[in-house]
Each structure stands twice: as structure tokens, then as C-alpha cells.
Amino acid sequence: QVQLVESGGGLVQAGGSLRLSCAASGRSFSNYAMGWFRQAPGKEREFVVSISWGGGSRTNYADSAKGRFTISRDNAKNTVYLQMTSLKPEDTAVYYCAAQLSGMGSLPGSYDYWGQGTQVTVSS
């Protein structure tokens, strides 16, 4: 059992930056691969990026995030971060972190645990 809590969302102008945090508790955080997803109103949930639980910290970025977003992991703090730069209005969504025990799946169904989400709004 893993509990995930996202924070750091807010309102930012286009071109700005935000850093989201996902604090994990329960099972050992290092045993899980972590992913970030987002869901805009009226749209399906979209994969953003994932990072493996191992020391190698393998990452997988969606094309929409590549070059603008960076995922990182601090195992000592049981926290995963999503650094977002050059934000665009189309990045507006509720952002969710999720966890899966091994694997690097990009589909929501691949993930076993989800946070409550944090709202990111990018104005033009």
C-alpha cells in the first residue's frame, strides 16, 4: 500500500515554470517506478513522464514533455519532482503522480497507486 500526495500546482503565465512534488508514504518508495500523468477538462488522461525505482533512474518522456519537463527523485525524502519550464496554455491540466511496482508503462492502467492531483493552469 502506497499513499501519494501531489503539491506545487498553481497559476502561471505562458513561458513560466513550476515544480510539482509527489510525496510517497507506506511501502518502500524505492521499490516503485513513478509516473506523472495529466488530464485536461474533456480529455483523456495523458502520460507525461516516468522514472524507474532503481539507482539508474531510467526515464521515459512523452513527446509533449521532452525538452521542457524534467523528472527527478529524492529517495531520502520519498519524493518525486516534476520540473516544468516553458509552460504553454495546453499544459493546463490536473497533474497526477502514480506508482507501479517495476515496469515503465505509459498507460494509466499500468499504475497501481494514484495521488489526488494538483491543478496547473497556464495563462496566455
Protein backbone atom coordinates (compact mmCIF):
# COMPACT_ATOMS: atom_id res chain seq x y z
CA GLN A 1 0.00 0.00 0.00
CA VAL A 2 1.33 3.38 -1.08
CA GLN A 3 -0.08 6.84 -0.46
CA LEU A 4 0.83 9.66 -2.84
CA VAL A 5 0.26 13.39 -2.32
CA GLU A 6 0.95 15.94 -5.06
CA SER A 7 1.65 19.60 -4.42
CA GLY A 8 3.10 22.62 -6.17
CA GLY A 9 0.43 23.38 -8.73
CA GLY A 10 -0.86 26.85 -9.36
CA LEU A 11 -1.39 29.60 -11.89
CA VAL A 12 1.48 30.68 -14.11
CA GLN A 13 1.83 32.70 -17.30
CA ALA A 14 2.93 31.10 -20.54
CA GLY A 15 6.69 30.69 -20.59
CA GLY A 16 6.90 30.35 -16.84
CA SER A 17 7.94 27.46 -14.64
CA LEU A 18 6.55 25.32 -11.86
CA ARG A 19 7.89 22.44 -9.81
CA LEU A 20 5.48 19.76 -8.73
CA SER A 21 6.20 17.42 -5.83
CA CYS A 22 4.85 13.97 -5.06
CA ALA A 23 5.40 12.73 -1.53
CA ALA A 24 5.09 8.99 -1.02
CA SER A 25 4.43 7.02 2.13
CA GLY A 26 3.59 3.46 3.05
CA ARG A 27 5.56 0.89 1.11
CA SER A 28 9.20 1.50 0.36
CA PHE A 29 9.32 4.29 -2.18
CA SER A 30 12.40 2.88 -3.87
CA ASN A 31 10.54 -0.28 -4.87
CA TYR A 32 8.27 1.57 -7.28
CA ALA A 33 8.56 3.20 -10.64
CA MET A 34 6.89 6.61 -10.59
CA GLY A 35 4.97 8.39 -13.30
CA TRP A 36 3.34 11.72 -13.91
CA PHE A 37 0.08 11.98 -15.82
CA ARG A 38 -2.18 14.88 -16.61
CA GLN A 39 -5.82 15.30 -17.52
CA ALA A 40 -7.36 18.38 -19.04
CA PRO A 41 -11.11 19.04 -18.98
CA GLY A 42 -12.88 16.91 -21.56
CA LYS A 43 -9.76 14.94 -22.45
CA GLU A 44 -8.36 11.56 -21.58
CA ARG A 45 -5.63 11.10 -19.03
CA GLU A 46 -2.25 11.61 -20.69
CA PHE A 47 1.14 10.17 -19.86
CA VAL A 48 3.83 12.76 -19.18
CA VAL A 49 6.94 11.02 -17.85
CA SER A 50 8.09 8.10 -15.71
CA ILE A 51 11.20 7.22 -13.72
CA SER A 52 12.40 3.84 -12.51
CA TRP A 53 12.90 2.97 -8.85
CA GLY A 54 16.44 1.67 -9.31
CA GLY A 55 19.66 3.57 -8.87
CA GLY A 56 19.93 4.05 -12.61
CA SER A 57 16.85 6.31 -12.62
CA ARG A 58 15.81 5.39 -16.13
CA THR A 59 13.35 7.91 -17.51
CA ASN A 60 10.78 7.94 -20.28
CA TYR A 61 9.30 11.21 -21.55
CA ALA A 62 6.27 11.86 -23.68
CA ASP A 63 6.98 13.99 -26.73
CA SER A 64 4.96 16.81 -25.21
CA ALA A 65 7.28 16.91 -22.19
CA LYS A 66 10.64 16.18 -23.78
CA GLY A 67 13.00 19.13 -23.56
CA ARG A 68 10.72 21.14 -21.26
CA PHE A 69 9.94 18.92 -18.28
CA THR A 70 12.36 17.08 -16.02
CA ILE A 71 11.53 14.32 -13.58
CA SER A 72 13.76 13.66 -10.58
CA ARG A 73 13.65 11.52 -7.49
CA ASP A 74 14.91 12.02 -3.96
CA ASN A 75 14.70 8.66 -2.22
CA ALA A 76 15.87 10.11 1.10
CA LYS A 77 12.79 12.34 1.12
CA ASN A 78 10.48 9.79 -0.52
CA THR A 79 9.62 12.45 -3.07
CA VAL A 80 9.43 12.70 -6.84
CA TYR A 81 9.55 16.06 -8.60
CA LEU A 82 8.39 17.34 -11.94
CA GLN A 83 10.20 20.50 -13.01
CA MET A 84 8.24 22.20 -15.76
CA THR A 85 9.63 25.04 -17.84
CA SER A 86 8.45 26.94 -20.92
CA LEU A 87 4.89 26.23 -19.94
CA LYS A 88 2.16 26.57 -22.54
CA PRO A 89 -1.59 27.03 -22.17
CA GLU A 90 -2.06 23.50 -23.48
CA ASP A 91 -0.17 22.24 -20.41
CA THR A 92 -3.16 23.26 -18.30
CA ALA A 93 -4.46 20.16 -16.55
CA VAL A 94 -4.73 18.33 -13.28
CA TYR A 95 -1.40 16.60 -12.76
CA TYR A 96 -1.29 13.23 -11.04
CA CYS A 97 1.59 11.18 -9.78
CA ALA A 98 1.30 7.42 -9.82
CA ALA A 99 3.29 4.38 -8.77
CA GLN A 100 3.81 0.89 -10.15
CA LEU A 101 5.91 -1.96 -8.85
CA SER A 102 8.54 -2.28 -11.57
CA GLY A 103 7.98 -1.64 -15.23
CA MET A 104 7.90 1.59 -17.20
CA GLY A 105 4.38 1.56 -18.54
CA SER A 106 2.83 4.66 -20.06
CA LEU A 107 -0.83 3.65 -19.79
CA PRO A 108 -2.84 4.63 -16.72
CA GLY A 109 -3.85 1.00 -16.25
CA SER A 110 -0.22 0.09 -15.65
CA TYR A 111 -0.19 2.00 -12.37
CA ASP A 112 -1.40 0.71 -9.04
CA TYR A 113 -1.48 3.84 -6.88
CA TRP A 114 -2.52 7.42 -7.58
CA GLY A 115 -2.38 10.75 -5.84
CA GLN A 116 -5.28 13.19 -5.65
CA GLY A 117 -3.87 15.53 -8.29
CA THR A 118 -2.75 19.13 -8.32
CA GLN A 119 -4.09 21.78 -10.68
CA VAL A 120 -1.74 23.53 -13.10
CA THR A 121 -3.16 26.46 -15.02
CA VAL A 122 -1.12 28.27 -17.67
CA SER A 123 -2.49 31.57 -18.93
CA SER A 124 -1.67 33.09 -22.29
